[in-house]
PDB file of N, CA and C in Angstrom:
ATOM      1  N   MET A   1     -16.263  -0.201  20.593  1.00  0.00           N
ATOM      2  CA  MET A   1     -15.211  -1.190  20.185  1.00  0.00           C
ATOM      3  C   MET A   1     -16.320  -2.564  20.440  1.00  0.00           C
ATOM      4  N   ALA A   2     -17.459  -2.512  19.783  1.00  0.00           N
ATOM      5  CA  ALA A   2     -18.138  -3.861  19.767  1.00  0.00           C
ATOM      6  C   ALA A   2     -17.406  -5.223  19.437  1.00  0.00           C
ATOM      7  N   TRP A   3     -16.556  -5.057  18.626  1.00  0.00           N
ATOM      8  CA  TRP A   3     -15.713  -6.265  18.349  1.00  0.00           C
ATOM      9  C   TRP A   3     -14.828  -7.084  19.642  1.00  0.00           C
ATOM     10  N   LYS A   4     -14.557  -5.956  20.577  1.00  0.00           N
ATOM     11  CA  LYS A   4     -13.938  -6.452  21.646  1.00  0.00           C
ATOM     12  C   LYS A   4     -14.723  -7.113  22.587  1.00  0.00           C
ATOM     13  N   ALA A   5     -16.035  -6.735  22.693  1.00  0.00           N
ATOM     14  CA  ALA A   5     -16.754  -7.390  23.740  1.00  0.00           C
ATOM     15  C   ALA A   5     -17.273  -8.625  23.159  1.00  0.00           C
ATOM     16  N   ARG A   6     -17.374  -9.111  21.960  1.00  0.00           N
ATOM     17  CA  ARG A   6     -17.705 -10.299  21.505  1.00  0.00           C
ATOM     18  C   ARG A   6     -16.728 -11.636  21.501  1.00  0.00           C
ATOM     19  N   MET A   7     -15.219 -11.096  21.938  1.00  0.00           N
ATOM     20  CA  MET A   7     -14.322 -12.019  21.951  1.00  0.00           C
ATOM     21  C   MET A   7     -13.968 -12.738  23.190  1.00  0.00           C
ATOM     22  N   ASN A   8     -14.033 -14.052  23.363  1.00  0.00           N
ATOM     23  CA  ASN A   8     -13.797 -14.987  24.737  1.00  0.00           C
ATOM     24  C   ASN A   8     -12.157 -14.789  24.481  1.00  0.00           C
ATOM     25  N   ASN A   9     -11.740 -15.435  25.813  1.00  0.00           N
ATOM     26  CA  ASN A   9     -10.290 -15.338  25.760  1.00  0.00           C
ATOM     27  C   ASN A   9      -9.464 -16.214  24.699  1.00  0.00           C
ATOM     28  N   LEU A  10     -10.066 -17.448  24.570  1.00  0.00           N
ATOM     29  CA  LEU A  10      -9.416 -18.403  23.433  1.00  0.00           C
ATOM     30  C   LEU A  10      -9.332 -17.814  22.063  1.00  0.00           C
ATOM     31  N   GLU A  11     -10.572 -17.265  21.996  1.00  0.00           N
ATOM     32  CA  GLU A  11     -10.625 -16.363  20.408  1.00  0.00           C
ATOM     33  C   GLU A  11      -9.483 -15.563  20.265  1.00  0.00           C
ATOM     34  N   LYS A  12      -9.608 -14.618  21.340  1.00  0.00           N
ATOM     35  CA  LYS A  12      -8.777 -13.490  21.395  1.00  0.00           C
ATOM     36  C   LYS A  12      -7.272 -13.813  21.285  1.00  0.00           C
ATOM     37  N   GLN A  13      -7.077 -15.161  21.884  1.00  0.00           N
ATOM     38  CA  GLN A  13      -5.619 -15.413  21.789  1.00  0.00           C
ATOM     39  C   GLN A  13      -5.223 -15.824  20.341  1.00  0.00           C
ATOM     40  N   ARG A  14      -6.156 -16.570  19.654  1.00  0.00           N
ATOM     41  CA  ARG A  14      -6.089 -16.987  18.420  1.00  0.00           C
ATOM     42  C   ARG A  14      -5.895 -16.006  17.664  1.00  0.00           C
ATOM     43  N   ILE A  15      -6.522 -14.842  17.535  1.00  0.00           N
ATOM     44  CA  ILE A  15      -6.556 -13.758  16.649  1.00  0.00           C
ATOM     45  C   ILE A  15      -5.039 -12.996  16.934  1.00  0.00           C
ATOM     46  N   ARG A  16      -4.610 -12.750  18.369  1.00  0.00           N
ATOM     47  CA  ARG A  16      -3.465 -12.086  18.665  1.00  0.00           C
ATOM     48  C   ARG A  16      -2.276 -13.022  17.958  1.00  0.00           C
ATOM     49  N   ASN A  17      -2.318 -14.228  17.973  1.00  0.00           N
ATOM     50  CA  ASN A  17      -1.321 -14.998  17.304  1.00  0.00           C
ATOM     51  C   ASN A  17      -1.441 -14.993  16.029  1.00  0.00           C
ATOM     52  N   LYS A  18      -2.674 -15.009  15.310  1.00  0.00           N
ATOM     53  CA  LYS A  18      -2.463 -14.811  13.660  1.00  0.00           C
ATOM     54  C   LYS A  18      -2.127 -13.518  13.545  1.00  0.00           C
ATOM     55  N   MET A  19      -2.141 -12.319  13.990  1.00  0.00           N
ATOM     56  CA  MET A  19      -1.805 -11.039  13.702  1.00  0.00           C
ATOM     57  C   MET A  19      -0.381 -10.969  14.116  1.00  0.00           C
ATOM     58  N   ALA A  20       0.122 -11.626  15.015  1.00  0.00           N
ATOM     59  CA  ALA A  20       1.607 -11.377  15.435  1.00  0.00           C
ATOM     60  C   ALA A  20       2.388 -12.154  14.336  1.00  0.00           C
ATOM     61  N   ASN A  21       1.713 -13.607  13.624  1.00  0.00           N
ATOM     62  CA  ASN A  21       2.468 -14.050  12.642  1.00  0.00           C
ATOM     63  C   ASN A  21       2.647 -13.164  11.464  1.00  0.00           C
ATOM     64  N   LEU A  22       1.884 -12.188  11.168  1.00  0.00           N
ATOM     65  CA  LEU A  22       1.950 -11.365  10.198  1.00  0.00           C
ATOM     66  C   LEU A  22       3.367 -10.291   9.849  1.00  0.00           C
ATOM     67  N   ILE A  23       4.022 -10.298  11.289  1.00  0.00           N
ATOM     68  CA  ILE A  23       4.942  -9.347  11.487  1.00  0.00           C
ATOM     69  C   ILE A  23       6.320 -10.303  11.531  1.00  0.00           C
ATOM     70  N   ARG A  24       7.514  -9.701  11.086  1.00  0.00           N
ATOM     71  CA  ARG A  24       8.499 -10.699  11.115  1.00  0.00           C
ATOM     72  C   ARG A  24       8.956 -10.993  12.424  1.00  0.00           C
ATOM     73  N   PRO A  25       9.479 -12.057  12.598  1.00  0.00           N
ATOM     74  CA  PRO A  25       9.705 -12.507  14.056  1.00  0.00           C
ATOM     75  C   PRO A  25      10.590 -11.545  15.025  1.00  0.00           C
ATOM     76  N   MET A  26      11.678 -11.125  14.448  1.00  0.00           N
ATOM     77  CA  MET A  26      12.571  -9.919  15.096  1.00  0.00           C
ATOM     78  C   MET A  26      11.708  -8.865  15.598  1.00  0.00           C
ATOM     79  N   ASN A  27      10.465  -8.401  14.929  1.00  0.00           N
ATOM     80  CA  ASN A  27       9.932  -7.300  15.235  1.00  0.00           C
ATOM     81  C   ASN A  27       8.705  -7.601  15.916  1.00  0.00           C
ATOM     82  N   ARG A  28       8.455  -8.172  16.798  1.00  0.00           N
ATOM     83  CA  ARG A  28       7.348  -8.687  17.183  1.00  0.00           C
ATOM     84  C   ARG A  28       7.482  -8.071  18.775  1.00  0.00           C
ATOM     85  N   HIS A  29       7.327  -6.898  19.138  1.00  0.00           N
ATOM     86  CA  HIS A  29       7.251  -6.170  20.339  1.00  0.00           C
ATOM     87  C   HIS A  29       6.220  -5.898  20.855  1.00  0.00           C
ATOM     88  N   ARG A  30       5.317  -6.745  21.657  1.00  0.00           N
ATOM     89  CA  ARG A  30       3.880  -6.153  21.905  1.00  0.00           C
ATOM     90  C   ARG A  30       3.999  -5.310  22.803  1.00  0.00           C
ATOM     91  N   ASP A  31       3.018  -4.325  22.442  1.00  0.00           N
ATOM     92  CA  ASP A  31       2.690  -3.289  23.304  1.00  0.00           C
ATOM     93  C   ASP A  31       3.867  -2.174  23.745  1.00  0.00           C
ATOM     94  N   CYS A  32       4.536  -1.966  22.755  1.00  0.00           N
ATOM     95  CA  CYS A  32       5.784  -1.275  22.876  1.00  0.00           C
ATOM     96  C   CYS A  32       5.697   0.016  22.034  1.00  0.00           C
ATOM     97  N   LEU A  33       5.989   1.214  22.244  1.00  0.00           N
ATOM     98  CA  LEU A  33       5.915   2.288  21.304  1.00  0.00           C
ATOM     99  C   LEU A  33       7.383   2.638  20.606  1.00  0.00           C
ATOM    100  N   TYR A  34       7.618   2.360  19.298  1.00  0.00           N
ATOM    101  CA  TYR A  34       8.746   2.850  18.643  1.00  0.00           C
ATOM    102  C   TYR A  34       8.289   3.761  17.498  1.00  0.00           C
ATOM    103  N   TRP A  35       9.473   4.870  17.589  1.00  0.00           N
ATOM    104  CA  TRP A  35       9.193   5.877  16.267  1.00  0.00           C
ATOM    105  C   TRP A  35      10.708   6.002  15.379  1.00  0.00           C
ATOM    106  N   ASN A  36      10.546   6.398  14.410  1.00  0.00           N
ATOM    107  CA  ASN A  36      11.870   6.817  13.556  1.00  0.00           C
ATOM    108  C   ASN A  36      12.141   8.262  13.849  1.00  0.00           C
ATOM    109  N   ALA A  37      13.473   8.194  13.893  1.00  0.00           N
ATOM    110  CA  ALA A  37      14.242   9.750  14.071  1.00  0.00           C
ATOM    111  C   ALA A  37      13.882  10.725  13.261  1.00  0.00           C
ATOM    112  N   GLY A  38      13.500  10.373  12.119  1.00  0.00           N
ATOM    113  CA  GLY A  38      12.937  11.423  11.288  1.00  0.00           C
ATOM    114  C   GLY A  38      11.800  11.858  11.269  1.00  0.00           C
ATOM    115  N   GLU A  39      10.909  11.361  11.907  1.00  0.00           N
ATOM    116  CA  GLU A  39       9.357  11.662  12.367  1.00  0.00           C
ATOM    117  C   GLU A  39       9.273  13.156  13.163  1.00  0.00           C
ATOM    118  N   THR A  40       8.150  13.918  12.855  1.00  0.00           N
ATOM    119  CA  THR A  40       7.842  14.962  13.321  1.00  0.00           C
ATOM    120  C   THR A  40       7.383  14.829  14.633  1.00  0.00           C
ATOM    121  N   ASP A  41       7.582  15.850  15.667  1.00  0.00           N
ATOM    122  CA  ASP A  41       6.894  16.175  16.888  1.00  0.00           C
ATOM    123  C   ASP A  41       5.610  15.735  16.762  1.00  0.00           C
ATOM    124  N   ALA A  42       5.035  16.270  15.994  1.00  0.00           N
ATOM    125  CA  ALA A  42       3.278  16.024  16.170  1.00  0.00           C
ATOM    126  C   ALA A  42       3.145  14.437  15.792  1.00  0.00           C
ATOM    127  N   THR A  43       3.650  13.795  15.079  1.00  0.00           N
ATOM    128  CA  THR A  43       3.597  12.490  14.576  1.00  0.00           C
ATOM    129  C   THR A  43       3.889  11.510  15.967  1.00  0.00           C
ATOM    130  N   ILE A  44       5.030  11.916  16.776  1.00  0.00           N
ATOM    131  CA  ILE A  44       5.624  11.123  17.557  1.00  0.00           C
ATOM    132  C   ILE A  44       4.438  11.422  18.804  1.00  0.00           C
ATOM    133  N   LEU A  45       3.974  12.375  18.923  1.00  0.00           N
ATOM    134  CA  LEU A  45       3.088  12.656  20.170  1.00  0.00           C
ATOM    135  C   LEU A  45       1.691  12.094  19.758  1.00  0.00           C
ATOM    136  N   MET A  46       1.271  11.948  18.757  1.00  0.00           N
ATOM    137  CA  MET A  46       0.225  11.554  18.129  1.00  0.00           C
ATOM    138  C   MET A  46       0.461   9.717  18.244  1.00  0.00           C
ATOM    139  N   LYS A  47       1.241   9.540  18.150  1.00  0.00           N
ATOM    140  CA  LYS A  47       1.619   7.898  18.071  1.00  0.00           C
ATOM    141  C   LYS A  47       1.489   7.562  19.779  1.00  0.00           C
ATOM    142  N   LEU A  48       2.060   8.433  20.816  1.00  0.00           N
ATOM    143  CA  LEU A  48       2.040   8.174  22.095  1.00  0.00           C
ATOM    144  C   LEU A  48       0.617   8.356  22.792  1.00  0.00           C
ATOM    145  N   GLU A  49      -0.122   8.975  22.214  1.00  0.00           N
ATOM    146  CA  GLU A  49      -1.686   9.302  22.559  1.00  0.00           C
ATOM    147  C   GLU A  49      -2.183   7.920  22.220  1.00  0.00           C
ATOM    148  N   ILE A  50      -2.118   7.577  20.974  1.00  0.00           N
ATOM    149  CA  ILE A  50      -2.674   6.205  20.571  1.00  0.00           C
ATOM    150  C   ILE A  50      -1.940   5.117  21.229  1.00  0.00           C
ATOM    151  N   ALA A  51      -0.796   4.882  21.460  1.00  0.00           N
ATOM    152  CA  ALA A  51      -0.351   3.862  22.334  1.00  0.00           C
ATOM    153  C   ALA A  51      -1.162   3.970  23.707  1.00  0.00           C
ATOM    154  N   LYS A  52      -0.937   5.002  24.391  1.00  0.00           N
ATOM    155  CA  LYS A  52      -1.751   5.311  25.598  1.00  0.00           C
ATOM    156  C   LYS A  52      -3.279   4.436  25.719  1.00  0.00           C
ATOM    157  N   TYR A  53      -3.800   5.124  24.582  1.00  0.00           N
ATOM    158  CA  TYR A  53      -5.216   4.745  24.827  1.00  0.00           C
ATOM    159  C   TYR A  53      -5.342   3.210  24.435  1.00  0.00           C
ATOM    160  N   LEU A  54      -4.575   2.453  23.593  1.00  0.00           N
ATOM    161  CA  LEU A  54      -4.612   1.129  23.293  1.00  0.00           C
ATOM    162  C   LEU A  54      -4.249   0.283  24.639  1.00  0.00           C
ATOM    163  N   LYS A  55      -3.162   0.704  25.192  1.00  0.00           N
ATOM    164  CA  LYS A  55      -2.865  -0.106  26.336  1.00  0.00           C
ATOM    165  C   LYS A  55      -3.755   0.174  27.456  1.00  0.00           C
ATOM    166  N   LYS A  56      -4.209   1.377  27.723  1.00  0.00           N
ATOM    167  CA  LYS A  56      -5.275   1.745  28.746  1.00  0.00           C
ATOM    168  C   LYS A  56      -6.457   0.717  28.509  1.00  0.00           C
ATOM    169  N   ASN A  57      -6.893   0.469  27.246  1.00  0.00           N
ATOM    170  CA  ASN A  57      -8.159  -0.182  27.033  1.00  0.00           C
ATOM    171  C   ASN A  57      -7.660  -1.706  26.940  1.00  0.00           C
ATOM    172  N   GLY A  58      -6.666  -2.174  27.344  1.00  0.00           N
ATOM    173  CA  GLY A  58      -6.194  -3.573  27.040  1.00  0.00           C
ATOM    174  C   GLY A  58      -6.336  -4.241  25.624  1.00  0.00           C
ATOM    175  N   LEU A  59      -5.932  -3.348  24.832  1.00  0.00           N
ATOM    176  CA  LEU A  59      -5.611  -3.977  23.497  1.00  0.00           C
ATOM    177  C   LEU A  59      -4.086  -4.061  22.757  1.00  0.00           C
ATOM    178  N   GLU A  60      -3.860  -5.169  22.571  1.00  0.00           N
ATOM    179  CA  GLU A  60      -2.530  -5.635  22.046  1.00  0.00           C
ATOM    180  C   GLU A  60      -2.256  -4.987  21.027  1.00  0.00           C
ATOM    181  N   PHE A  61      -1.213  -4.340  20.639  1.00  0.00           N
ATOM    182  CA  PHE A  61      -0.789  -3.730  19.505  1.00  0.00           C
ATOM    183  C   PHE A  61       0.640  -3.802  19.289  1.00  0.00           C
ATOM    184  N   TYR A  62       1.264  -3.500  18.186  1.00  0.00           N
ATOM    185  CA  TYR A  62       2.778  -3.531  17.842  1.00  0.00           C
ATOM    186  C   TYR A  62       2.835  -2.351  16.751  1.00  0.00           C
ATOM    187  N   SER A  63       3.817  -1.719  16.881  1.00  0.00           N
ATOM    188  CA  SER A  63       4.251  -0.272  16.769  1.00  0.00           C
ATOM    189  C   SER A  63       5.637  -0.367  15.655  1.00  0.00           C
ATOM    190  N   GLU A  64       5.509   0.088  14.466  1.00  0.00           N
ATOM    191  CA  GLU A  64       6.667   0.357  13.670  1.00  0.00           C
ATOM    192  C   GLU A  64       6.871  -1.316  13.416  1.00  0.00           C
ATOM    193  N   CYS A  65       5.925  -1.994  12.932  1.00  0.00           N
ATOM    194  CA  CYS A  65       5.952  -3.522  12.632  1.00  0.00           C
ATOM    195  C   CYS A  65       6.403  -3.332  11.337  1.00  0.00           C
ATOM    196  N   ILE A  66       6.823  -4.602  10.964  1.00  0.00           N
ATOM    197  CA  ILE A  66       7.574  -4.770   9.804  1.00  0.00           C
ATOM    198  C   ILE A  66       6.762  -6.387   9.222  1.00  0.00           C
ATOM    199  N   PHE A  67       6.213  -6.083   8.146  1.00  0.00           N
ATOM    200  CA  PHE A  67       5.426  -7.313   7.851  1.00  0.00           C
ATOM    201  C   PHE A  67       6.531  -8.183   6.757  1.00  0.00           C
ATOM    202  N   GLU A  68       6.174  -9.563   6.828  1.00  0.00           N
ATOM    203  CA  GLU A  68       6.980 -10.364   5.946  1.00  0.00           C
ATOM    204  C   GLU A  68       7.222  -9.966   4.442  1.00  0.00           C
ATOM    205  N   ASN A  69       6.679  -8.829   3.876  1.00  0.00           N
ATOM    206  CA  ASN A  69       6.815  -8.464   2.589  1.00  0.00           C
ATOM    207  C   ASN A  69       7.730  -7.248   2.427  1.00  0.00           C
ATOM    208  N   GLY A  70       8.108  -6.709   3.750  1.00  0.00           N
ATOM    209  CA  GLY A  70       8.944  -5.539   4.080  1.00  0.00           C
ATOM    210  C   GLY A  70       8.216  -4.221   4.398  1.00  0.00           C
ATOM    211  N   SER A  71       7.233  -4.054   4.203  1.00  0.00           N
ATOM    212  CA  SER A  71       6.422  -2.864   4.473  1.00  0.00           C
ATOM    213  C   SER A  71       6.244  -2.826   6.069  1.00  0.00           C
ATOM    214  N   ARG A  72       6.479  -1.615   6.321  1.00  0.00           N
ATOM    215  CA  ARG A  72       6.222  -1.238   8.036  1.00  0.00           C
ATOM    216  C   ARG A  72       5.034  -0.185   8.118  1.00  0.00           C
ATOM    217  N   ALA A  73       4.336  -0.700   9.016  1.00  0.00           N
ATOM    218  CA  ALA A  73       3.141   0.020   9.838  1.00  0.00           C
ATOM    219  C   ALA A  73       3.517   0.724  10.872  1.00  0.00           C
ATOM    220  N   ASP A  74       2.748   2.083  11.208  1.00  0.00           N
ATOM    221  CA  ASP A  74       3.011   2.614  12.468  1.00  0.00           C
ATOM    222  C   ASP A  74       2.430   1.542  13.668  1.00  0.00           C
ATOM    223  N   PHE A  75       1.355   1.261  13.595  1.00  0.00           N
ATOM    224  CA  PHE A  75       0.472   0.491  14.388  1.00  0.00           C
ATOM    225  C   PHE A  75      -0.387  -0.899  13.982  1.00  0.00           C
ATOM    226  N   LEU A  76      -0.110  -2.016  14.418  1.00  0.00           N
ATOM    227  CA  LEU A  76      -0.770  -3.000  13.927  1.00  0.00           C
ATOM    228  C   LEU A  76      -1.837  -3.488  15.191  1.00  0.00           C
ATOM    229  N   VAL A  77      -3.050  -2.969  15.377  1.00  0.00           N
ATOM    230  CA  VAL A  77      -4.012  -3.480  16.612  1.00  0.00           C
ATOM    231  C   VAL A  77      -4.464  -4.960  16.261  1.00  0.00           C
ATOM    232  N   ALA A  78      -3.866  -5.659  17.163  1.00  0.00           N
ATOM    233  CA  ALA A  78      -3.893  -7.166  16.799  1.00  0.00           C
ATOM    234  C   ALA A  78      -5.599  -7.587  17.434  1.00  0.00           C
ATOM    235  N   ASP A  79      -6.284  -6.992  18.480  1.00  0.00           N
ATOM    236  CA  ASP A  79      -7.575  -7.255  18.781  1.00  0.00           C
ATOM    237  C   ASP A  79      -8.350  -6.696  17.717  1.00  0.00           C
ATOM    238  N   GLY A  80      -8.307  -5.636  17.239  1.00  0.00           N
ATOM    239  CA  GLY A  80      -9.056  -5.218  16.204  1.00  0.00           C
ATOM    240  C   GLY A  80      -8.917  -5.515  14.649  1.00  0.00           C
ATOM    241  N   GLN A  81      -7.733  -6.344  14.415  1.00  0.00           N
ATOM    242  CA  GLN A  81      -7.239  -6.566  13.185  1.00  0.00           C
ATOM    243  C   GLN A  81      -7.396  -5.443  12.255  1.00  0.00           C
ATOM    244  N   PHE A  82      -6.495  -4.446  12.363  1.00  0.00           N
ATOM    245  CA  PHE A  82      -6.551  -3.409  11.582  1.00  0.00           C
ATOM    246  C   PHE A  82      -5.164  -2.704  11.836  1.00  0.00           C
ATOM    247  N   ILE A  83      -4.599  -1.738  10.671  1.00  0.00           N
ATOM    248  CA  ILE A  83      -3.377  -0.959  11.050  1.00  0.00           C
ATOM    249  C   ILE A  83      -3.775   0.394  11.249  1.00  0.00           C
ATOM    250  N   ILE A  84      -3.230   1.021  11.711  1.00  0.00           N
ATOM    251  CA  ILE A  84      -3.211   2.740  11.961  1.00  0.00           C
ATOM    252  C   ILE A  84      -2.071   3.349  11.599  1.00  0.00           C
ATOM    253  N   GLU A  85      -2.183   4.386  10.628  1.00  0.00           N
ATOM    254  CA  GLU A  85      -1.170   4.970   9.859  1.00  0.00           C
ATOM    255  C   GLU A  85      -1.349   6.362  10.584  1.00  0.00           C
ATOM    256  N   VAL A  86      -0.489   7.178  11.049  1.00  0.00           N
ATOM    257  CA  VAL A  86      -0.370   8.518  11.323  1.00  0.00           C
ATOM    258  C   VAL A  86       0.038   9.121  10.366  1.00  0.00           C
ATOM    259  N   LEU A  87      -0.479  10.245   9.905  1.00  0.00           N
ATOM    260  CA  LEU A  87      -0.302  10.825   8.636  1.00  0.00           C
ATOM    261  C   LEU A  87       0.331  12.265   9.176  1.00  0.00           C
ATOM    262  N   ASP A  88       1.216  12.815   8.653  1.00  0.00           N
ATOM    263  CA  ASP A  88       1.899  14.000   8.783  1.00  0.00           C
ATOM    264  C   ASP A  88       1.921  15.084   7.386  1.00  0.00           C
ATOM    265  N   SER A  89       3.025  14.517   6.625  1.00  0.00           N
ATOM    266  CA  SER A  89       3.232  15.199   5.432  1.00  0.00           C
ATOM    267  C   SER A  89       2.486  14.279   4.233  1.00  0.00           C
ATOM    268  N   GLU A  90       2.397  12.890   4.437  1.00  0.00           N
ATOM    269  CA  GLU A  90       2.132  12.074   3.345  1.00  0.00           C
ATOM    270  C   GLU A  90       0.898  12.383   2.732  1.00  0.00           C
ATOM    271  N   LYS A  91       0.844  12.124   1.410  1.00  0.00           N
ATOM    272  CA  LYS A  91      -0.137  12.154   0.498  1.00  0.00           C
ATOM    273  C   LYS A  91      -1.082  11.308   0.300  1.00  0.00           C
ATOM    274  N   PRO A  92      -2.265  11.570   0.331  1.00  0.00           N
ATOM    275  CA  PRO A  92      -3.421  10.553   0.374  1.00  0.00           C
ATOM    276  C   PRO A  92      -3.090   9.187  -0.618  1.00  0.00           C
ATOM    277  N   GLU A  93      -2.528   9.470  -1.715  1.00  0.00           N
ATOM    278  CA  GLU A  93      -2.167   8.544  -2.779  1.00  0.00           C
ATOM    279  C   GLU A  93      -1.132   7.352  -2.122  1.00  0.00           C
ATOM    280  N   ASN A  94      -0.210   7.776  -1.279  1.00  0.00           N
ATOM    281  CA  ASN A  94       0.569   6.847  -0.281  1.00  0.00           C
ATOM    282  C   ASN A  94      -0.130   5.870   0.363  1.00  0.00           C
ATOM    283  N   ILE A  95      -1.211   6.304   0.982  1.00  0.00           N
ATOM    284  CA  ILE A  95      -2.167   5.243   1.914  1.00  0.00           C
ATOM    285  C   ILE A  95      -2.695   4.269   0.759  1.00  0.00           C
ATOM    286  N   ILE A  96      -3.129   4.735  -0.187  1.00  0.00           N
ATOM    287  CA  ILE A  96      -3.735   3.798  -1.220  1.00  0.00           C
ATOM    288  C   ILE A  96      -2.532   2.608  -1.656  1.00  0.00           C
ATOM    289  N   GLU A  97      -1.356   3.014  -1.914  1.00  0.00           N
ATOM    290  CA  GLU A  97      -0.336   2.243  -2.176  1.00  0.00           C
ATOM    291  C   GLU A  97      -0.010   1.025  -1.197  1.00  0.00           C
ATOM    292  N   LYS A  98      -0.038   1.953   0.253  1.00  0.00           N
ATOM    293  CA  LYS A  98       0.079   1.021   1.457  1.00  0.00           C
ATOM    294  C   LYS A  98      -0.838   0.001   1.705  1.00  0.00           C
ATOM    295  N   GLN A  99      -2.036   0.387   1.116  1.00  0.00           N
ATOM    296  CA  GLN A  99      -2.986  -0.741   1.475  1.00  0.00           C
ATOM    297  C   GLN A  99      -2.836  -2.052   0.561  1.00  0.00           C
ATOM    298  N   LYS A 100      -2.377  -1.623  -0.657  1.00  0.00           N
ATOM    299  CA  LYS A 100      -2.107  -2.754  -1.281  1.00  0.00           C
ATOM    300  C   LYS A 100      -1.057  -3.744  -1.029  1.00  0.00           C
ATOM    301  N   ARG A 101      -0.313  -3.154  -0.072  1.00  0.00           N
ATOM    302  CA  ARG A 101       0.692  -4.171   0.462  1.00  0.00           C
ATOM    303  C   ARG A 101       0.840  -4.614   2.131  1.00  0.00           C
ATOM    304  N   TYR A 102      -0.278  -4.051   2.627  1.00  0.00           N
ATOM    305  CA  TYR A 102      -0.618  -4.235   4.020  1.00  0.00           C
ATOM    306  C   TYR A 102      -1.727  -5.317   3.911  1.00  0.00           C
ATOM    307  N   PRO A 103      -1.167  -6.238   4.882  1.00  0.00           N
ATOM    308  CA  PRO A 103      -2.251  -7.592   5.220  1.00  0.00           C
ATOM    309  C   PRO A 103      -3.830  -7.248   5.770  1.00  0.00           C
ATOM    310  N   LEU A 104      -3.824  -6.084   6.116  1.00  0.00           N
ATOM    311  CA  LEU A 104      -5.142  -5.839   7.093  1.00  0.00           C
ATOM    312  C   LEU A 104      -5.701  -4.293   6.671  1.00  0.00           C
ATOM    313  N   PRO A 105      -6.869  -3.802   6.866  1.00  0.00           N
ATOM    314  CA  PRO A 105      -7.360  -2.616   6.496  1.00  0.00           C
ATOM    315  C   PRO A 105      -6.634  -1.473   7.276  1.00  0.00           C
ATOM    316  N   ILE A 106      -6.464  -0.295   6.672  1.00  0.00           N
ATOM    317  CA  ILE A 106      -5.754   0.728   7.396  1.00  0.00           C
ATOM    318  C   ILE A 106      -6.780   1.753   7.627  1.00  0.00           C
ATOM    319  N   ARG A 107      -6.566   2.415   8.838  1.00  0.00           N
ATOM    320  CA  ARG A 107      -7.251   3.641   9.499  1.00  0.00           C
ATOM    321  C   ARG A 107      -6.256   4.706   9.674  1.00  0.00           C
ATOM    322  N   SER A 108      -6.464   5.802   8.954  1.00  0.00           N
ATOM    323  CA  SER A 108      -5.479   6.876   8.852  1.00  0.00           C
ATOM    324  C   SER A 108      -5.697   7.848   9.905  1.00  0.00           C
ATOM    325  N   VAL A 109      -4.663   8.384  10.548  1.00  0.00           N
ATOM    326  CA  VAL A 109      -5.022   9.533  11.532  1.00  0.00           C
ATOM    327  C   VAL A 109      -4.213  10.815  11.291  1.00  0.00           C
ATOM    328  N   ASN A 110      -4.564  11.954  11.220  1.00  0.00           N
ATOM    329  CA  ASN A 110      -3.438  12.953  11.049  1.00  0.00           C
ATOM    330  C   ASN A 110      -3.014  13.434  12.301  1.00  0.00           C
ATOM    331  N   ALA A 111      -1.835  13.563  12.148  1.00  0.00           N
ATOM    332  CA  ALA A 111      -1.008  13.725  13.442  1.00  0.00           C
ATOM    333  C   ALA A 111      -1.044  15.186  13.998  1.00  0.00           C
ATOM    334  N   ASN A 112      -1.649  16.201  13.181  1.00  0.00           N
ATOM    335  CA  ASN A 112      -1.887  17.474  13.677  1.00  0.00           C
ATOM    336  C   ASN A 112      -3.248  17.876  14.021  1.00  0.00           C
ATOM    337  N   GLN A 113      -3.857  16.879  14.642  1.00  0.00           N
ATOM    338  CA  GLN A 113      -5.207  17.201  15.236  1.00  0.00           C
ATOM    339  C   GLN A 113      -5.267  16.443  16.657  1.00  0.00           C
ATOM    340  N   LYS A 114      -6.161  16.818  17.491  1.00  0.00           N
ATOM    341  CA  LYS A 114      -6.286  16.491  18.889  1.00  0.00           C
ATOM    342  C   LYS A 114      -6.658  15.046  18.786  1.00  0.00           C
ATOM    343  N   PHE A 115      -6.032  14.105  19.581  1.00  0.00           N
ATOM    344  CA  PHE A 115      -6.315  12.958  19.802  1.00  0.00           C
ATOM    345  C   PHE A 115      -7.717  12.627  20.129  1.00  0.00           C
ATOM    346  N   THR A 116      -8.560  11.744  19.664  1.00  0.00           N
ATOM    347  CA  THR A 116      -9.943  11.152  20.252  1.00  0.00           C
ATOM    348  C   THR A 116     -10.015   9.794  19.792  1.00  0.00           C
ATOM    349  N   GLU A 117     -10.611   9.078  20.649  1.00  0.00           N
ATOM    350  CA  GLU A 117     -10.849   7.604  20.396  1.00  0.00           C
ATOM    351  C   GLU A 117     -11.510   7.403  18.998  1.00  0.00           C
ATOM    352  N   LYS A 118     -12.206   8.484  18.679  1.00  0.00           N
ATOM    353  CA  LYS A 118     -12.874   8.214  17.526  1.00  0.00           C
ATOM    354  C   LYS A 118     -12.251   8.327  16.329  1.00  0.00           C
ATOM    355  N   LEU A 119     -10.865   8.807  16.134  1.00  0.00           N
ATOM    356  CA  LEU A 119      -9.910   8.764  15.198  1.00  0.00           C
ATOM    357  C   LEU A 119      -9.640   7.289  14.926  1.00  0.00           C
ATOM    358  N   ILE A 120      -9.562   6.438  15.700  1.00  0.00           N
ATOM    359  CA  ILE A 120      -9.160   5.138  15.639  1.00  0.00           C
ATOM    360  C   ILE A 120     -10.218   3.924  15.560  1.00  0.00           C
ATOM    361  N   GLN A 121     -11.480   4.398  15.803  1.00  0.00           N
ATOM    362  CA  GLN A 121     -12.577   3.502  15.832  1.00  0.00           C
ATOM    363  C   GLN A 121     -13.114   3.472  14.262  1.00  0.00           C
TER     364      GLN A 121
END
């Protein structure tokens, strides 16, 4: 996480504000974990592990965030300026389509593997 070490507090807050402004105002719930009822247990558990890691490391995040264009991401990591998508049954071409709609780069994580921090770095 070299990018984290380089930021001073003012720069970090500017980036966090910029990232929050990508999300619809009624959906800006910082550092909270949300999931949808139709998600698999593996997906929910992976999201929990990711949220625990981000919170433990002081990284601001939003989950199930809806962007102004209506697309929805599993996580927006404000401090890292990237999106995490947890994949279970999605096809790789779905991520390519999502990348076209998302305002930031995507990092994909397979829900059916053990969580390690390398998955999201």
